[in-house]
Amino acid sequence: MRRGLAEAGLDCGCREAANDLLDRIGWDEDVIRRTGGLADARRMRDSIVIVLALLEELDSLTLDEPDRSAFHELAGLFDDISEFAAFGADAARRAAGGGNS
């Protein structure tokens, strides 16, 4: 947009006002992205806390557990933590103003 404004040959006052507006829009978009990143990071933290509570079942299992599916369910919970942590890390980077998103 800035290039288009520069090529339009607007007078200095109008061009300056337009550039100021574009700067504010860019700042607003950055704040929105960073706010969303922080909210997502908090949600991932809360999700991990819930999964950790579910993993307490691990203490009640023994090797002779008759229901072997319990071990598969626990493995899935560890997978969930991994996915939540990766998403949370990306979200924290967005909150910092960087990252891949």
C-alpha atoms as a PDB file:
ATOM      1  CA  MET A   1       0.000   0.000   0.000  1.00  0.00           C
ATOM      2  CA  ARG A   2       2.824   2.366   0.856  1.00  0.00           C
ATOM      3  CA  ARG A   3       4.335   1.927  -2.598  1.00  0.00           C
ATOM      4  CA  GLY A   4       0.962   2.667  -4.178  1.00  0.00           C
ATOM      5  CA  LEU A   5       0.654   5.829  -2.116  1.00  0.00           C
ATOM      6  CA  ALA A   6       4.158   6.906  -3.087  1.00  0.00           C
ATOM      7  CA  GLU A   7       3.414   6.288  -6.769  1.00  0.00           C
ATOM      8  CA  ALA A   8       0.099   8.159  -6.544  1.00  0.00           C
ATOM      9  CA  GLY A   9       1.966  11.446  -6.169  1.00  0.00           C
ATOM     10  CA  LEU A  10      -0.104  12.697  -3.229  1.00  0.00           C
ATOM     11  CA  ASP A  11       0.832  15.961  -1.566  1.00  0.00           C
ATOM     12  CA  CYS A  12       3.129  15.648   1.469  1.00  0.00           C
ATOM     13  CA  GLY A  13       0.430  16.274   4.103  1.00  0.00           C
ATOM     14  CA  CYS A  14      -1.905  13.673   2.670  1.00  0.00           C
ATOM     15  CA  ARG A  15       0.883  11.129   2.206  1.00  0.00           C
ATOM     16  CA  GLU A  16       2.080  11.657   5.784  1.00  0.00           C
ATOM     17  CA  ALA A  17      -1.445  11.176   7.154  1.00  0.00           C
ATOM     18  CA  ALA A  18      -1.865   8.013   5.089  1.00  0.00           C
ATOM     19  CA  ASN A  19       1.486   6.636   6.301  1.00  0.00           C
ATOM     20  CA  ASP A  20       0.555   7.412   9.912  1.00  0.00           C
ATOM     21  CA  LEU A  21      -2.699   5.523   9.459  1.00  0.00           C
ATOM     22  CA  LEU A  22      -0.860   2.538   7.957  1.00  0.00           C
ATOM     23  CA  ASP A  23       1.568   2.583  10.896  1.00  0.00           C
ATOM     24  CA  ARG A  24      -1.342   2.480  13.366  1.00  0.00           C
ATOM     25  CA  ILE A  25      -3.023  -0.350  11.473  1.00  0.00           C
ATOM     26  CA  GLY A  26       0.226  -2.315  11.505  1.00  0.00           C
ATOM     27  CA  TRP A  27       0.616  -1.722  15.235  1.00  0.00           C
ATOM     28  CA  ASP A  28      -3.001  -2.814  15.877  1.00  0.00           C
ATOM     29  CA  GLU A  29      -2.497  -6.001  13.878  1.00  0.00           C
ATOM     30  CA  ASP A  30       0.676  -6.738  15.841  1.00  0.00           C
ATOM     31  CA  VAL A  31      -1.140  -6.251  19.151  1.00  0.00           C
ATOM     32  CA  ILE A  32      -3.976  -8.531  18.016  1.00  0.00           C
ATOM     33  CA  ARG A  33      -1.520 -11.234  16.888  1.00  0.00           C
ATOM     34  CA  ARG A  34       0.490 -10.983  20.115  1.00  0.00           C
ATOM     35  CA  THR A  35      -2.647 -11.007  22.290  1.00  0.00           C
ATOM     36  CA  GLY A  36      -3.886 -14.118  20.493  1.00  0.00           C
ATOM     37  CA  GLY A  37      -0.503 -15.763  20.961  1.00  0.00           C
ATOM     38  CA  LEU A  38      -0.597 -15.140  24.701  1.00  0.00           C
ATOM     39  CA  ALA A  39      -4.153 -16.470  24.969  1.00  0.00           C
ATOM     40  CA  ASP A  40      -3.210 -19.583  22.975  1.00  0.00           C
ATOM     41  CA  ALA A  41      -0.132 -20.167  25.145  1.00  0.00           C
ATOM     42  CA  ARG A  42      -2.284 -19.978  28.271  1.00  0.00           C
ATOM     43  CA  ARG A  43      -4.813 -22.421  26.805  1.00  0.00           C
ATOM     44  CA  MET A  44      -2.017 -24.878  26.003  1.00  0.00           C
ATOM     45  CA  ARG A  45      -0.644 -24.547  29.536  1.00  0.00           C
ATOM     46  CA  ASP A  46      -4.105 -25.266  30.951  1.00  0.00           C
ATOM     47  CA  SER A  47      -4.498 -28.250  28.623  1.00  0.00           C
ATOM     48  CA  ILE A  48      -1.158 -29.652  29.751  1.00  0.00           C
ATOM     49  CA  VAL A  49      -2.170 -29.255  33.414  1.00  0.00           C
ATOM     50  CA  ILE A  50      -5.338 -31.264  32.747  1.00  0.00           C
ATOM     51  CA  VAL A  51      -3.420 -34.013  30.958  1.00  0.00           C
ATOM     52  CA  LEU A  52      -0.871 -34.155  33.781  1.00  0.00           C
ATOM     53  CA  ALA A  53      -3.734 -34.760  36.212  1.00  0.00           C
ATOM     54  CA  LEU A  54      -4.954 -37.616  34.007  1.00  0.00           C
ATOM     55  CA  LEU A  55      -1.443 -39.079  33.963  1.00  0.00           C
ATOM     56  CA  GLU A  56      -1.628 -39.615  37.715  1.00  0.00           C
ATOM     57  CA  GLU A  57      -3.367 -42.883  36.793  1.00  0.00           C
ATOM     58  CA  LEU A  58       0.110 -44.107  35.862  1.00  0.00           C
ATOM     59  CA  ASP A  59       0.921 -44.549  39.563  1.00  0.00           C
ATOM     60  CA  SER A  60      -1.870 -47.088  39.957  1.00  0.00           C
ATOM     61  CA  LEU A  61      -0.784 -49.304  37.061  1.00  0.00           C
ATOM     62  CA  THR A  62       1.400 -52.374  37.379  1.00  0.00           C
ATOM     63  CA  LEU A  63       3.058 -54.572  34.794  1.00  0.00           C
ATOM     64  CA  ASP A  64       0.361 -57.204  35.275  1.00  0.00           C
ATOM     65  CA  GLU A  65      -2.402 -54.713  34.429  1.00  0.00           C
ATOM     66  CA  PRO A  66      -5.178 -56.806  32.867  1.00  0.00           C
ATOM     67  CA  ASP A  67      -6.370 -53.956  30.663  1.00  0.00           C
ATOM     68  CA  ARG A  68      -3.399 -53.269  28.366  1.00  0.00           C
ATOM     69  CA  SER A  69      -5.340 -50.504  26.617  1.00  0.00           C
ATOM     70  CA  ALA A  70      -4.626 -48.336  29.667  1.00  0.00           C
ATOM     71  CA  PHE A  71      -0.975 -48.147  28.544  1.00  0.00           C
ATOM     72  CA  HIS A  72      -2.036 -47.066  25.057  1.00  0.00           C
ATOM     73  CA  GLU A  73      -4.271 -44.395  26.560  1.00  0.00           C
ATOM     74  CA  LEU A  74      -1.355 -43.109  28.632  1.00  0.00           C
ATOM     75  CA  ALA A  75       0.853 -43.047  25.544  1.00  0.00           C
ATOM     76  CA  GLY A  76      -1.792 -40.925  23.843  1.00  0.00           C
ATOM     77  CA  LEU A  77      -1.753 -38.505  26.772  1.00  0.00           C
ATOM     78  CA  PHE A  78       2.020 -38.101  26.408  1.00  0.00           C
ATOM     79  CA  ASP A  79       1.487 -37.461  22.691  1.00  0.00           C
ATOM     80  CA  ASP A  80      -1.099 -34.819  23.588  1.00  0.00           C
ATOM     81  CA  ILE A  81       1.372 -33.053  25.877  1.00  0.00           C
ATOM     82  CA  SER A  82       3.924 -33.010  23.077  1.00  0.00           C
ATOM     83  CA  GLU A  83       1.445 -31.455  20.642  1.00  0.00           C
ATOM     84  CA  PHE A  84       0.172 -28.940  23.210  1.00  0.00           C
ATOM     85  CA  ALA A  85       3.748 -27.957  24.080  1.00  0.00           C
ATOM     86  CA  ALA A  86       4.711 -27.424  20.430  1.00  0.00           C
ATOM     87  CA  PHE A  87       1.620 -25.287  19.791  1.00  0.00           C
ATOM     88  CA  GLY A  88       2.205 -23.409  23.046  1.00  0.00           C
ATOM     89  CA  ALA A  89       5.818 -22.684  22.090  1.00  0.00           C
ATOM     90  CA  ASP A  90       4.700 -21.255  18.751  1.00  0.00           C
ATOM     91  CA  ALA A  91       2.027 -19.214  20.522  1.00  0.00           C
ATOM     92  CA  ALA A  92       4.582 -17.825  22.982  1.00  0.00           C
ATOM     93  CA  ARG A  93       6.752 -16.780  20.033  1.00  0.00           C
ATOM     94  CA  ARG A  94       3.751 -14.986  18.502  1.00  0.00           C
ATOM     95  CA  ALA A  95       3.169 -13.239  21.846  1.00  0.00           C
ATOM     96  CA  ALA A  96       6.790 -12.082  21.744  1.00  0.00           C
ATOM     97  CA  GLY A  97       6.228 -10.605  18.315  1.00  0.00           C
ATOM     98  CA  GLY A  98       8.012 -13.270  16.293  1.00  0.00           C
ATOM     99  CA  GLY A  99       7.492 -16.880  15.364  1.00  0.00           C
ATOM    100  CA  ASN A 100       6.328 -18.779  12.341  1.00  0.00           C
ATOM    101  CA  SER A 101       2.703 -17.650  12.238  1.00  0.00           C
END
